[in-house]
Amino acid sequence: VVSPHGMLEPWALKHSAIKKRLAGWCFERRNLQTADCLHALCA
């Protein structure tokens, strides 16, 4: 299970945006796509 804890909020993605785009390309998008379940705090 993966809990992002708000780290995919639009404002959060804009903070250190280059680092997060690089991390997403290298590993994070794959980590999220292969999780069995994602946990969100709200709709």
PDB file of all heavy atoms in Angstrom:
ATOM      1  N   VAL A   1       0.858  -1.177   0.000  1.00  0.00           N
ATOM      2  CA  VAL A   1       0.000   0.000   0.000  1.00  0.00           C
ATOM      3  C   VAL A   1       0.900   1.235   0.000  1.00  0.00           C
ATOM      4  O   VAL A   1       1.923   1.259   0.686  1.00  0.00           O
ATOM      5  CB  VAL A   1      -0.912   0.024   1.249  1.00  0.00           C
ATOM      6  CG1 VAL A   1      -1.772   1.289   1.260  1.00  0.00           C
ATOM      7  CG2 VAL A   1      -1.782  -1.225   1.300  1.00  0.00           C
ATOM      8  N   VAL A   2       0.525   2.254  -0.778  1.00  0.00           N
ATOM      9  CA  VAL A   2       1.298   3.497  -0.804  1.00  0.00           C
ATOM     10  C   VAL A   2       0.396   4.651  -0.396  1.00  0.00           C
ATOM     11  O   VAL A   2      -0.685   4.838  -0.955  1.00  0.00           O
ATOM     12  CB  VAL A   2       1.894   3.775  -2.198  1.00  0.00           C
ATOM     13  CG1 VAL A   2       2.643   5.115  -2.189  1.00  0.00           C
ATOM     14  CG2 VAL A   2       2.823   2.646  -2.622  1.00  0.00           C
ATOM     15  N   SER A   3       0.845   5.429   0.587  1.00  0.00           N
ATOM     16  CA  SER A   3       0.144   6.636   1.042  1.00  0.00           C
ATOM     17  C   SER A   3       0.989   7.855   0.662  1.00  0.00           C
ATOM     18  O   SER A   3       2.015   8.117   1.294  1.00  0.00           O
ATOM     19  CB  SER A   3      -0.056   6.614   2.560  1.00  0.00           C
ATOM     20  OG  SER A   3      -0.895   5.538   2.951  1.00  0.00           O
ATOM     21  N   PRO A   4       0.597   8.631  -0.351  1.00  0.00           N
ATOM     22  CA  PRO A   4       1.385   9.809  -0.743  1.00  0.00           C
ATOM     23  C   PRO A   4       1.340  10.947   0.276  1.00  0.00           C
ATOM     24  O   PRO A   4       2.206  11.815   0.257  1.00  0.00           O
ATOM     25  CB  PRO A   4       0.731  10.239  -2.059  1.00  0.00           C
ATOM     26  CG  PRO A   4       0.028   9.035  -2.564  1.00  0.00           C
ATOM     27  CD  PRO A   4      -0.457   8.321  -1.336  1.00  0.00           C
ATOM     28  N   HIS A   5       0.329  10.973   1.144  1.00  0.00           N
ATOM     29  CA  HIS A   5       0.213  12.028   2.165  1.00  0.00           C
ATOM     30  C   HIS A   5       0.251  13.423   1.549  1.00  0.00           C
ATOM     31  O   HIS A   5       0.966  14.317   2.028  1.00  0.00           O
ATOM     32  CB  HIS A   5       1.304  11.881   3.222  1.00  0.00           C
ATOM     33  CG  HIS A   5       1.135  10.680   4.104  1.00  0.00           C
ATOM     34  ND1 HIS A   5       0.214  10.627   5.135  1.00  0.00           N
ATOM     35  CD2 HIS A   5       1.752   9.471   4.095  1.00  0.00           C
ATOM     36  CE1 HIS A   5       0.281   9.442   5.732  1.00  0.00           C
ATOM     37  NE2 HIS A   5       1.204   8.721   5.118  1.00  0.00           N
ATOM     38  N   GLY A   6      -0.507  13.622   0.484  1.00  0.00           N
ATOM     39  CA  GLY A   6      -0.629  14.944  -0.114  1.00  0.00           C
ATOM     40  C   GLY A   6       0.502  15.350  -1.032  1.00  0.00           C
ATOM     41  O   GLY A   6       0.507  16.473  -1.549  1.00  0.00           O
ATOM     42  N   MET A   7       1.465  14.464  -1.285  1.00  0.00           N
ATOM     43  CA  MET A   7       2.635  14.847  -2.057  1.00  0.00           C
ATOM     44  C   MET A   7       2.386  14.893  -3.558  1.00  0.00           C
ATOM     45  O   MET A   7       3.310  15.219  -4.323  1.00  0.00           O
ATOM     46  CB  MET A   7       3.804  13.912  -1.729  1.00  0.00           C
ATOM     47  CG  MET A   7       4.297  14.059  -0.304  1.00  0.00           C
ATOM     48  SD  MET A   7       5.770  13.076   0.023  1.00  0.00           S
ATOM     49  CE  MET A   7       6.060  13.470   1.748  1.00  0.00           C
ATOM     50  N   LEU A   8       1.166  14.579  -4.003  1.00  0.00           N
ATOM     51  CA  LEU A   8       0.810  14.749  -5.407  1.00  0.00           C
ATOM     52  C   LEU A   8      -0.158  15.907  -5.606  1.00  0.00           C
ATOM     53  O   LEU A   8      -0.743  16.061  -6.687  1.00  0.00           O
ATOM     54  CB  LEU A   8       0.208  13.449  -5.971  1.00  0.00           C
ATOM     55  CG  LEU A   8       1.197  12.296  -6.147  1.00  0.00           C
ATOM     56  CD1 LEU A   8       0.479  11.051  -6.665  1.00  0.00           C
ATOM     57  CD2 LEU A   8       2.331  12.676  -7.098  1.00  0.00           C
ATOM     58  N   GLU A   9      -0.333  16.724  -4.566  1.00  0.00           N
ATOM     59  CA  GLU A   9      -1.117  17.949  -4.724  1.00  0.00           C
ATOM     60  C   GLU A   9      -0.425  18.839  -5.763  1.00  0.00           C
ATOM     61  O   GLU A   9       0.818  18.866  -5.837  1.00  0.00           O
ATOM     62  CB  GLU A   9      -1.201  18.697  -3.400  1.00  0.00           C
ATOM     63  CG  GLU A   9      -2.112  18.055  -2.365  1.00  0.00           C
ATOM     64  CD  GLU A   9      -3.571  18.417  -2.600  1.00  0.00           C
ATOM     65  OE1 GLU A   9      -3.849  19.480  -3.195  1.00  0.00           O
ATOM     66  OE2 GLU A   9      -4.432  17.620  -2.193  1.00  0.00           O
ATOM     67  N   PRO A  10      -1.186  19.560  -6.595  1.00  0.00           N
ATOM     68  CA  PRO A  10      -0.563  20.427  -7.615  1.00  0.00           C
ATOM     69  C   PRO A  10       0.479  21.381  -7.048  1.00  0.00           C
ATOM     70  O   PRO A  10       1.556  21.559  -7.634  1.00  0.00           O
ATOM     71  CB  PRO A  10      -1.762  21.179  -8.197  1.00  0.00           C
ATOM     72  CG  PRO A  10      -2.917  20.243  -8.019  1.00  0.00           C
ATOM     73  CD  PRO A  10      -2.659  19.548  -6.707  1.00  0.00           C
ATOM     74  N   TRP A  11       0.187  22.005  -5.888  1.00  0.00           N
ATOM     75  CA  TRP A  11       1.158  22.944  -5.313  1.00  0.00           C
ATOM     76  C   TRP A  11       2.416  22.213  -4.865  1.00  0.00           C
ATOM     77  O   TRP A  11       3.523  22.768  -4.925  1.00  0.00           O
ATOM     78  CB  TRP A  11       0.535  23.713  -4.144  1.00  0.00           C
ATOM     79  CG  TRP A  11       0.115  22.850  -2.991  1.00  0.00           C
ATOM     80  CD1 TRP A  11      -1.133  22.355  -2.763  1.00  0.00           C
ATOM     81  CD2 TRP A  11       0.937  22.355  -1.924  1.00  0.00           C
ATOM     82  NE1 TRP A  11      -1.144  21.587  -1.612  1.00  0.00           N
ATOM     83  CE2 TRP A  11       0.111  21.573  -1.091  1.00  0.00           C
ATOM     84  CE3 TRP A  11       2.283  22.511  -1.604  1.00  0.00           C
ATOM     85  CZ2 TRP A  11       0.593  20.935   0.048  1.00  0.00           C
ATOM     86  CZ3 TRP A  11       2.766  21.873  -0.469  1.00  0.00           C
ATOM     87  CH2 TRP A  11       1.924  21.098   0.341  1.00  0.00           C
ATOM     88  N   ALA A  12       2.252  20.950  -4.381  1.00  0.00           N
ATOM     89  CA  ALA A  12       3.416  20.179  -3.938  1.00  0.00           C
ATOM     90  C   ALA A  12       4.289  19.787  -5.122  1.00  0.00           C
ATOM     91  O   ALA A  12       5.522  19.779  -5.030  1.00  0.00           O
ATOM     92  CB  ALA A  12       2.961  18.934  -3.181  1.00  0.00           C
ATOM     93  N   LEU A  13       3.669  19.465  -6.255  1.00  0.00           N
ATOM     94  CA  LEU A  13       4.437  19.091  -7.439  1.00  0.00           C
ATOM     95  C   LEU A  13       5.219  20.275  -8.003  1.00  0.00           C
ATOM     96  O   LEU A  13       6.251  20.089  -8.655  1.00  0.00           O
ATOM     97  CB  LEU A  13       3.500  18.526  -8.509  1.00  0.00           C
ATOM     98  CG  LEU A  13       2.874  17.163  -8.190  1.00  0.00           C
ATOM     99  CD1 LEU A  13       1.870  16.780  -9.261  1.00  0.00           C
ATOM    100  CD2 LEU A  13       3.948  16.078  -8.049  1.00  0.00           C
ATOM    101  N   LYS A  14       4.734  21.494  -7.753  1.00  0.00           N
ATOM    102  CA  LYS A  14       5.438  22.684  -8.239  1.00  0.00           C
ATOM    103  C   LYS A  14       6.670  23.006  -7.402  1.00  0.00           C
ATOM    104  O   LYS A  14       7.579  23.693  -7.864  1.00  0.00           O
ATOM    105  CB  LYS A  14       4.487  23.877  -8.231  1.00  0.00           C
ATOM    106  CG  LYS A  14       3.380  23.786  -9.275  1.00  0.00           C
ATOM    107  CD  LYS A  14       2.432  24.964  -9.183  1.00  0.00           C
ATOM    108  CE  LYS A  14       1.297  24.833 -10.190  1.00  0.00           C
ATOM    109  NZ  LYS A  14       0.324  25.954 -10.081  1.00  0.00           N
ATOM    110  N   HIS A  15       6.691  22.518  -6.153  1.00  0.00           N
ATOM    111  CA  HIS A  15       7.843  22.745  -5.275  1.00  0.00           C
ATOM    112  C   HIS A  15       8.938  21.745  -5.639  1.00  0.00           C
ATOM    113  O   HIS A  15       8.707  20.541  -5.644  1.00  0.00           O
ATOM    114  CB  HIS A  15       7.434  22.570  -3.813  1.00  0.00           C
ATOM    115  CG  HIS A  15       8.542  22.813  -2.844  1.00  0.00           C
ATOM    116  ND1 HIS A  15       9.094  24.057  -2.630  1.00  0.00           N
ATOM    117  CD2 HIS A  15       9.223  21.954  -2.038  1.00  0.00           C
ATOM    118  CE1 HIS A  15      10.051  23.961  -1.725  1.00  0.00           C
ATOM    119  NE2 HIS A  15      10.149  22.693  -1.362  1.00  0.00           N
ATOM    120  N   SER A  16      10.139  22.223  -5.931  1.00  0.00           N
ATOM    121  CA  SER A  16      11.242  21.370  -6.419  1.00  0.00           C
ATOM    122  C   SER A  16      10.762  20.539  -7.603  1.00  0.00           C
ATOM    123  O   SER A  16      10.952  19.318  -7.660  1.00  0.00           O
ATOM    124  CB  SER A  16      11.761  20.456  -5.300  1.00  0.00           C
ATOM    125  OG  SER A  16      12.224  21.200  -4.200  1.00  0.00           O
ATOM    126  N   ALA A  17      10.123  21.215  -8.551  1.00  0.00           N
ATOM    127  CA  ALA A  17       9.446  20.525  -9.659  1.00  0.00           C
ATOM    128  C   ALA A  17      10.401  19.683 -10.500  1.00  0.00           C
ATOM    129  O   ALA A  17      10.060  18.557 -10.898  1.00  0.00           O
ATOM    130  CB  ALA A  17       8.725  21.546 -10.536  1.00  0.00           C
ATOM    131  N   ILE A  18      11.587  20.199 -10.779  1.00  0.00           N
ATOM    132  CA  ILE A  18      12.528  19.459 -11.631  1.00  0.00           C
ATOM    133  C   ILE A  18      12.944  18.158 -10.949  1.00  0.00           C
ATOM    134  O   ILE A  18      12.988  17.091 -11.580  1.00  0.00           O
ATOM    135  CB  ILE A  18      13.759  20.334 -11.945  1.00  0.00           C
ATOM    136  CG1 ILE A  18      13.340  21.532 -12.795  1.00  0.00           C
ATOM    137  CG2 ILE A  18      14.824  19.513 -12.654  1.00  0.00           C
ATOM    138  CD1 ILE A  18      14.457  22.506 -13.090  1.00  0.00           C
ATOM    139  N   LYS A  19      13.252  18.250  -9.646  1.00  0.00           N
ATOM    140  CA  LYS A  19      13.636  17.054  -8.894  1.00  0.00           C
ATOM    141  C   LYS A  19      12.520  16.010  -8.928  1.00  0.00           C
ATOM    142  O   LYS A  19      12.769  14.818  -9.123  1.00  0.00           O
ATOM    143  CB  LYS A  19      13.960  17.432  -7.450  1.00  0.00           C
ATOM    144  CG  LYS A  19      14.096  16.244  -6.518  1.00  0.00           C
ATOM    145  CD  LYS A  19      14.100  16.670  -5.052  1.00  0.00           C
ATOM    146  CE  LYS A  19      13.954  15.468  -4.131  1.00  0.00           C
ATOM    147  NZ  LYS A  19      13.891  15.854  -2.708  1.00  0.00           N
ATOM    148  N   LYS A  20      11.277  16.457  -8.768  1.00  0.00           N
ATOM    149  CA  LYS A  20      10.155  15.512  -8.706  1.00  0.00           C
ATOM    150  C   LYS A  20       9.835  14.920 -10.066  1.00  0.00           C
ATOM    151  O   LYS A  20       9.442  13.750 -10.164  1.00  0.00           O
ATOM    152  CB  LYS A  20       8.944  16.201  -8.090  1.00  0.00           C
ATOM    153  CG  LYS A  20       9.131  16.447  -6.598  1.00  0.00           C
ATOM    154  CD  LYS A  20       8.033  17.268  -5.975  1.00  0.00           C
ATOM    155  CE  LYS A  20       8.342  17.511  -4.495  1.00  0.00           C
ATOM    156  NZ  LYS A  20       7.360  18.397  -3.849  1.00  0.00           N
ATOM    157  N   ARG A  21       9.999  15.713 -11.126  1.00  0.00           N
ATOM    158  CA  ARG A  21       9.804  15.145 -12.465  1.00  0.00           C
ATOM    159  C   ARG A  21      10.858  14.096 -12.758  1.00  0.00           C
ATOM    160  O   ARG A  21      10.565  13.036 -13.335  1.00  0.00           O
ATOM    161  CB  ARG A  21       9.839  16.253 -13.513  1.00  0.00           C
ATOM    162  CG  ARG A  21       8.549  17.047 -13.604  1.00  0.00           C
ATOM    163  CD  ARG A  21       8.460  17.802 -14.914  1.00  0.00           C
ATOM    164  NE  ARG A  21       9.449  18.868 -14.985  1.00  0.00           N
ATOM    165  CZ  ARG A  21       9.223  20.128 -14.595  1.00  0.00           C
ATOM    166  NH1 ARG A  21       8.030  20.463 -14.120  1.00  0.00           N
ATOM    167  NH2 ARG A  21      10.173  21.040 -14.679  1.00  0.00           N
ATOM    168  N   LEU A  22      12.088  14.378 -12.338  1.00  0.00           N
ATOM    169  CA  LEU A  22      13.172  13.404 -12.548  1.00  0.00           C
ATOM    170  C   LEU A  22      12.927  12.150 -11.723  1.00  0.00           C
ATOM    171  O   LEU A  22      13.076  11.019 -12.221  1.00  0.00           O
ATOM    172  CB  LEU A  22      14.507  14.037 -12.165  1.00  0.00           C
ATOM    173  CG  LEU A  22      15.760  13.164 -12.356  1.00  0.00           C
ATOM    174  CD1 LEU A  22      15.914  12.775 -13.817  1.00  0.00           C
ATOM    175  CD2 LEU A  22      17.011  13.903 -11.863  1.00  0.00           C
ATOM    176  N   ALA A  23      12.537  12.326 -10.437  1.00  0.00           N
ATOM    177  CA  ALA A  23      12.251  11.173  -9.581  1.00  0.00           C
ATOM    178  C   ALA A  23      11.077  10.367 -10.125  1.00  0.00           C
ATOM    179  O   ALA A  23      11.071   9.131 -10.084  1.00  0.00           O
ATOM    180  CB  ALA A  23      11.960  11.639  -8.157  1.00  0.00           C
ATOM    181  N   GLY A  24      10.060  11.075 -10.643  1.00  0.00           N
ATOM    182  CA  GLY A  24       8.920  10.378 -11.226  1.00  0.00           C
ATOM    183  C   GLY A  24       9.320   9.531 -12.411  1.00  0.00           C
ATOM    184  O   GLY A  24       8.877   8.388 -12.556  1.00  0.00           O
ATOM    185  N   TRP A  25      10.176  10.091 -13.253  1.00  0.00           N
ATOM    186  CA  TRP A  25      10.634   9.363 -14.434  1.00  0.00           C
ATOM    187  C   TRP A  25      11.525   8.179 -14.050  1.00  0.00           C
ATOM    188  O   TRP A  25      11.433   7.100 -14.635  1.00  0.00           O
ATOM    189  CB  TRP A  25      11.395  10.319 -15.356  1.00  0.00           C
ATOM    190  CG  TRP A  25      11.892   9.667 -16.613  1.00  0.00           C
ATOM    191  CD1 TRP A  25      11.183   9.356 -17.735  1.00  0.00           C
ATOM    192  CD2 TRP A  25      13.237   9.223 -16.850  1.00  0.00           C
ATOM    193  NE1 TRP A  25      11.991   8.754 -18.661  1.00  0.00           N
ATOM    194  CE2 TRP A  25      13.266   8.651 -18.149  1.00  0.00           C
ATOM    195  CE3 TRP A  25      14.423   9.252 -16.099  1.00  0.00           C
ATOM    196  CZ2 TRP A  25      14.427   8.128 -18.718  1.00  0.00           C
ATOM    197  CZ3 TRP A  25      15.575   8.730 -16.653  1.00  0.00           C
ATOM    198  CH2 TRP A  25      15.572   8.171 -17.947  1.00  0.00           C
ATOM    199  N   CYS A  26      12.381   8.376 -13.044  1.00  0.00           N
ATOM    200  CA  CYS A  26      13.341   7.329 -12.662  1.00  0.00           C
ATOM    201  C   CYS A  26      12.684   6.187 -11.889  1.00  0.00           C
ATOM    202  O   CYS A  26      13.006   5.013 -12.127  1.00  0.00           O
ATOM    203  CB  CYS A  26      14.465   7.936 -11.827  1.00  0.00           C
ATOM    204  SG  CYS A  26      15.589   8.997 -12.738  1.00  0.00           S
ATOM    205  N   PHE A  27      11.789   6.512 -10.936  1.00  0.00           N
ATOM    206  CA  PHE A  27      11.283   5.433 -10.085  1.00  0.00           C
ATOM    207  C   PHE A  27       9.875   5.656  -9.530  1.00  0.00           C
ATOM    208  O   PHE A  27       9.123   4.696  -9.367  1.00  0.00           O
ATOM    209  CB  PHE A  27      12.241   5.191  -8.901  1.00  0.00           C
ATOM    210  CG  PHE A  27      12.463   6.376  -8.006  1.00  0.00           C
ATOM    211  CD1 PHE A  27      11.588   6.683  -6.961  1.00  0.00           C
ATOM    212  CD2 PHE A  27      13.573   7.197  -8.178  1.00  0.00           C
ATOM    213  CE1 PHE A  27      11.808   7.766  -6.128  1.00  0.00           C
ATOM    214  CE2 PHE A  27      13.796   8.291  -7.348  1.00  0.00           C
ATOM    215  CZ  PHE A  27      12.905   8.581  -6.322  1.00  0.00           C
ATOM    216  N   GLU A  28       9.470   6.892  -9.229  1.00  0.00           N
ATOM    217  CA  GLU A  28       8.260   7.053  -8.434  1.00  0.00           C
ATOM    218  C   GLU A  28       6.988   6.689  -9.173  1.00  0.00           C
ATOM    219  O   GLU A  28       6.074   6.087  -8.592  1.00  0.00           O
ATOM    220  CB  GLU A  28       8.162   8.489  -7.909  1.00  0.00           C
ATOM    221  CG  GLU A  28       7.227   8.639  -6.721  1.00  0.00           C
ATOM    222  CD  GLU A  28       7.680   7.826  -5.518  1.00  0.00           C
ATOM    223  OE1 GLU A  28       8.545   8.300  -4.763  1.00  0.00           O
ATOM    224  OE2 GLU A  28       7.153   6.695  -5.334  1.00  0.00           O
ATOM    225  N   ARG A  29       6.891   7.039 -10.448  1.00  0.00           N
ATOM    226  CA  ARG A  29       5.690   6.683 -11.191  1.00  0.00           C
ATOM    227  C   ARG A  29       5.530   5.164 -11.255  1.00  0.00           C
ATOM    228  O   ARG A  29       4.443   4.618 -11.096  1.00  0.00           O
ATOM    229  CB  ARG A  29       5.726   7.284 -12.596  1.00  0.00           C
ATOM    230  CG  ARG A  29       4.419   7.136 -13.352  1.00  0.00           C
ATOM    231  CD  ARG A  29       4.488   7.871 -14.679  1.00  0.00           C
ATOM    232  NE  ARG A  29       4.579   9.314 -14.514  1.00  0.00           N
ATOM    233  CZ  ARG A  29       3.524  10.104 -14.369  1.00  0.00           C
ATOM    234  NH1 ARG A  29       2.302   9.588 -14.347  1.00  0.00           N
ATOM    235  NH2 ARG A  29       3.690  11.405 -14.247  1.00  0.00           N
ATOM    236  N   ARG A  30       6.638   4.461 -11.459  1.00  0.00           N
ATOM    237  CA  ARG A  30       6.600   2.988 -11.493  1.00  0.00           C
ATOM    238  C   ARG A  30       6.216   2.430 -10.130  1.00  0.00           C
ATOM    239  O   ARG A  30       5.437   1.471 -10.032  1.00  0.00           O
ATOM    240  CB  ARG A  30       7.961   2.439 -11.938  1.00  0.00           C
ATOM    241  CG  ARG A  30       7.992   0.908 -12.037  1.00  0.00           C
ATOM    242  CD  ARG A  30       9.300   0.426 -12.640  1.00  0.00           C
ATOM    243  NE  ARG A  30      10.459   0.762 -11.791  1.00  0.00           N
ATOM    244  CZ  ARG A  30      11.342   1.703 -12.087  1.00  0.00           C
ATOM    245  NH1 ARG A  30      11.220   2.439 -13.185  1.00  0.00           N
ATOM    246  NH2 ARG A  30      12.363   1.952 -11.274  1.00  0.00           N
ATOM    247  N   ASN A  31       6.769   3.021  -9.053  1.00  0.00           N
ATOM    248  CA  ASN A  31       6.421   2.564  -7.705  1.00  0.00           C
ATOM    249  C   ASN A  31       4.915   2.670  -7.458  1.00  0.00           C
ATOM    250  O   ASN A  31       4.297   1.779  -6.872  1.00  0.00           O
ATOM    251  CB  ASN A  31       7.167   3.386  -6.647  1.00  0.00           C
ATOM    252  CG  ASN A  31       8.657   3.113  -6.628  1.00  0.00           C
ATOM    253  OD1 ASN A  31       9.119   2.127  -7.210  1.00  0.00           O
ATOM    254  ND2 ASN A  31       9.409   3.988  -5.993  1.00  0.00           N
ATOM    255  N   LEU A  32       4.323   3.782  -7.881  1.00  0.00           N
ATOM    256  CA  LEU A  32       2.895   3.989  -7.677  1.00  0.00           C
ATOM    257  C   LEU A  32       2.061   3.079  -8.578  1.00  0.00           C
ATOM    258  O   LEU A  32       1.035   2.533  -8.156  1.00  0.00           O
ATOM    259  CB  LEU A  32       2.548   5.456  -7.943  1.00  0.00           C
ATOM    260  CG  LEU A  32       3.073   6.453  -6.897  1.00  0.00           C
ATOM    261  CD1 LEU A  32       3.050   7.875  -7.454  1.00  0.00           C
ATOM    262  CD2 LEU A  32       2.252   6.375  -5.622  1.00  0.00           C
ATOM    263  N   GLN A  33       2.508   2.897  -9.801  1.00  0.00           N
ATOM    264  CA  GLN A  33       1.744   2.082 -10.748  1.00  0.00           C
ATOM    265  C   GLN A  33       1.763   0.599 -10.400  1.00  0.00           C
ATOM    266  O   GLN A  33       0.886  -0.152 -10.836  1.00  0.00           O
ATOM    267  CB  GLN A  33       2.288   2.292 -12.169  1.00  0.00           C
ATOM    268  CG  GLN A  33       1.940   3.651 -12.766  1.00  0.00           C
ATOM    269  CD  GLN A  33       2.624   3.887 -14.097  1.00  0.00           C
ATOM    270  OE1 GLN A  33       3.675   3.312 -14.383  1.00  0.00           O
ATOM    271  NE2 GLN A  33       2.040   4.766 -14.905  1.00  0.00           N
ATOM    272  N   THR A  34       2.748   0.170  -9.619  1.00  0.00           N
ATOM    273  CA  THR A  34       2.836  -1.246  -9.263  1.00  0.00           C
ATOM    274  C   THR A  34       2.320  -1.550  -7.860  1.00  0.00           C
ATOM    275  O   THR A  34       2.372  -2.691  -7.414  1.00  0.00           O
ATOM    276  CB  THR A  34       4.297  -1.729  -9.375  1.00  0.00           C
ATOM    277  OG1 THR A  34       5.132  -0.907  -8.546  1.00  0.00           O
ATOM    278  CG2 THR A  34       4.790  -1.658 -10.811  1.00  0.00           C
ATOM    279  N   ALA A  35       1.819  -0.529  -7.160  1.00  0.00           N
ATOM    280  CA  ALA A  35       1.251  -0.758  -5.819  1.00  0.00           C
ATOM    281  C   ALA A  35      -0.035  -1.562  -5.937  1.00  0.00           C
ATOM    282  O   ALA A  35      -0.761  -1.490  -6.937  1.00  0.00           O
ATOM    283  CB  ALA A  35       0.976   0.571  -5.131  1.00  0.00           C
ATOM    284  N   ASP A  36      -0.350  -2.332  -4.904  1.00  0.00           N
ATOM    285  CA  ASP A  36      -1.608  -3.081  -4.882  1.00  0.00           C
ATOM    286  C   ASP A  36      -2.781  -2.191  -4.520  1.00  0.00           C
ATOM    287  O   ASP A  36      -3.912  -2.435  -4.939  1.00  0.00           O
ATOM    288  CB  ASP A  36      -1.503  -4.242  -3.890  1.00  0.00           C
ATOM    289  CG  ASP A  36      -0.484  -5.274  -4.330  1.00  0.00           C
ATOM    290  OD1 ASP A  36      -0.797  -6.046  -5.248  1.00  0.00           O
ATOM    291  OD2 ASP A  36       0.628  -5.275  -3.770  1.00  0.00           O
ATOM    292  N   CYS A  37      -2.505  -1.142  -3.741  1.00  0.00           N
ATOM    293  CA  CYS A  37      -3.559  -0.207  -3.344  1.00  0.00           C
ATOM    294  C   CYS A  37      -2.919   1.140  -3.030  1.00  0.00           C
ATOM    295  O   CYS A  37      -1.811   1.194  -2.483  1.00  0.00           O
ATOM    296  CB  CYS A  37      -4.320  -0.735  -2.125  1.00  0.00           C
ATOM    297  SG  CYS A  37      -5.677   0.325  -1.569  1.00  0.00           S
ATOM    298  N   LEU A  38      -3.623   2.207  -3.390  1.00  0.00           N
ATOM    299  CA  LEU A  38      -3.192   3.557  -3.049  1.00  0.00           C
ATOM    300  C   LEU A  38      -4.126   4.108  -1.978  1.00  0.00           C
ATOM    301  O   LEU A  38      -5.331   3.870  -2.019  1.00  0.00           O
ATOM    302  CB  LEU A  38      -3.227   4.456  -4.285  1.00  0.00           C
ATOM    303  CG  LEU A  38      -2.368   4.000  -5.464  1.00  0.00           C
ATOM    304  CD1 LEU A  38      -2.643   4.863  -6.681  1.00  0.00           C
ATOM    305  CD2 LEU A  38      -0.891   4.016  -5.107  1.00  0.00           C
ATOM    306  N   HIS A  39      -3.553   4.834  -1.037  1.00  0.00           N
ATOM    307  CA  HIS A  39      -4.333   5.387   0.068  1.00  0.00           C
ATOM    308  C   HIS A  39      -4.416   6.895  -0.086  1.00  0.00           C
ATOM    309  O   HIS A  39      -3.387   7.580  -0.123  1.00  0.00           O
ATOM    310  CB  HIS A  39      -3.680   5.020   1.406  1.00  0.00           C
ATOM    311  CG  HIS A  39      -4.225   5.793   2.564  1.00  0.00           C
ATOM    312  ND1 HIS A  39      -3.432   6.283   3.578  1.00  0.00           N
ATOM    313  CD2 HIS A  39      -5.492   6.186   2.874  1.00  0.00           C
ATOM    314  CE1 HIS A  39      -4.172   6.932   4.451  1.00  0.00           C
ATOM    315  NE2 HIS A  39      -5.429   6.903   4.047  1.00  0.00           N
ATOM    316  N   ALA A  40      -5.638   7.425  -0.178  1.00  0.00           N
ATOM    317  CA  ALA A  40      -5.870   8.865  -0.239  1.00  0.00           C
ATOM    318  C   ALA A  40      -6.569   9.314   1.029  1.00  0.00           C
ATOM    319  O   ALA A  40      -7.391   8.583   1.588  1.00  0.00           O
ATOM    320  CB  ALA A  40      -6.717   9.215  -1.463  1.00  0.00           C
ATOM    321  N   LEU A  41      -6.268  10.522   1.469  1.00  0.00           N
ATOM    322  CA  LEU A  41      -6.866  11.051   2.693  1.00  0.00           C
ATOM    323  C   LEU A  41      -8.244  11.652   2.454  1.00  0.00           C
ATOM    324  O   LEU A  41      -9.020  11.821   3.394  1.00  0.00           O
ATOM    325  CB  LEU A  41      -5.944  12.103   3.310  1.00  0.00           C
ATOM    326  CG  LEU A  41      -4.564  11.599   3.742  1.00  0.00           C
ATOM    327  CD1 LEU A  41      -3.692  12.765   4.166  1.00  0.00           C
ATOM    328  CD2 LEU A  41      -4.691  10.594   4.872  1.00  0.00           C
ATOM    329  N   CYS A  42      -8.542  11.996   1.206  1.00  0.00           N
ATOM    330  CA  CYS A  42      -9.827  12.615   0.883  1.00  0.00           C
ATOM    331  C   CYS A  42     -10.088  12.428  -0.604  1.00  0.00           C
ATOM    332  O   CYS A  42      -9.216  11.966  -1.360  1.00  0.00           O
ATOM    333  CB  CYS A  42      -9.827  14.101   1.246  1.00  0.00           C
ATOM    334  SG  CYS A  42      -8.544  15.046   0.388  1.00  0.00           S
ATOM    335  N   ALA A  43     -11.296  12.808  -1.036  1.00  0.00           N
ATOM    336  CA  ALA A  43     -11.674  12.632  -2.441  1.00  0.00           C
ATOM    337  C   ALA A  43     -10.776  13.456  -3.364  1.00  0.00           C
ATOM    338  O   ALA A  43     -10.442  13.028  -4.472  1.00  0.00           O
ATOM    339  CB  ALA A  43     -13.144  13.016  -2.627  1.00  0.00           C
TER     340      ALA A  43
END
